[in-house]
Each structure stands twice: as C-alpha cells, then as structure tokens.
Amino acid sequence: MPAEFVGINFTVMSYSIQKHLAFNTWATTQVANVLKEVTDEIYFRENKSSFPSIAKTVLHMLGAQIVWLKRMQGVSLSGFPVEGLDHDKMAALDKLVESASELEQFIASKDDAFVSSEYDYRNLKGDPFHDLVEDTLFHVVNHSTYHRGQLITMLREAGVAKVPATDLIHYLRSLKK
C-alpha cells in the first residue's frame, strides 16, 4: 500500500532517490568549488556554528557521507574516517565531492529492491540499529543540505560575495539547460 501524507501518494511522484543523490553531488560540488578559492584564513577561521570552522564542517560532512555509505555496504566503522585531512583543504574538498559521487554511484548500481530494503549496522559507539536504505539516503542528503547552508552563511560572514545557489530548484533548472 502506498505511503500517504496530507493526501499525497508518494508512489506516483516522478522525483527519484537517484535524482536526489545527483542533486547532492551537484550542490556539494558547487560549494566545494567556491571553498577551493577562499583563503586558508577564511577556510580555517573559527566561527560560531555547529562546527567551529568551515574546515571542521567540511570534515563532518565528509565523515558522515563515508560512514553512511559504509554502513549500507555492510561495514560498521568504529571511528570517524577523516584522519589526516584536518589541515589539507584541497584534499578534504576533493574527498567531499568524491564521497557524494561514490554514494550516488553505489545506489545507481543497485536495484529498487535494495533501496527499499532494510539493513543492520552499528553506530560509532557500537550501538545496533536497523533502518531502511531509502530513509538513510534521504537523511544523508538532508544532512548535507543543512551543513551546506551553514557553509554558505560562514562564507557570507567572511565577506565572500559570490556564493553558489544550491537549492534543489536550481539543480532541477540546471538539468533543463
């Protein structure tokens, strides 16, 4: 039976999880390209945000994408996988885009049954969980969107005038060009 919310039948919507993951890769790339151009002073500067700098926000986003991909691949990590990247801006940004693309490619290699399946994993503390792959994918993109917004705010507060529009509608419009 299809899921319904406020009268919307989600099974008839043409927007796919694959398109959502492609959006995530696109938006992450847009932000990473701008961050590659900012000075190290801006990139590593302490800020008041969820994470105390652009650099630490990038590492958090990167680590989260890797952790969730690994979990869906059947591997539960016991630590955050960003070691050695905390002072290497270009490597961290390249890896951030790469991890978004790897997630997108991983799901593209799977069938609909996989996306609809459930899986077991342990969080970084070792606690067991059981989730739907699809729910996880929406969570990962939502998580990245949230932190991209923080990055844009930190860039604006640092005086960077040219920041990318990374809203979903901008991605969808870019597909029409």
Foldseek 3Di string as FASTA:
>chain_A
DADDDPRDGVVPDPDDLLVLLVLLLVLLVQQLVVQVPDDPCQQAPADPDPDGGNLVLLLVLLQVLVQLLCVLVVDHAQDRPPPPCSNPSVVSSVSNSVSSVVSSVVVVVDDPVSQQDKGWYAHNPRHIDIGHNVVSSVVSSVSSVVSSVVSVVSCVVVPNDDGDDSDPVVVVVVVVD
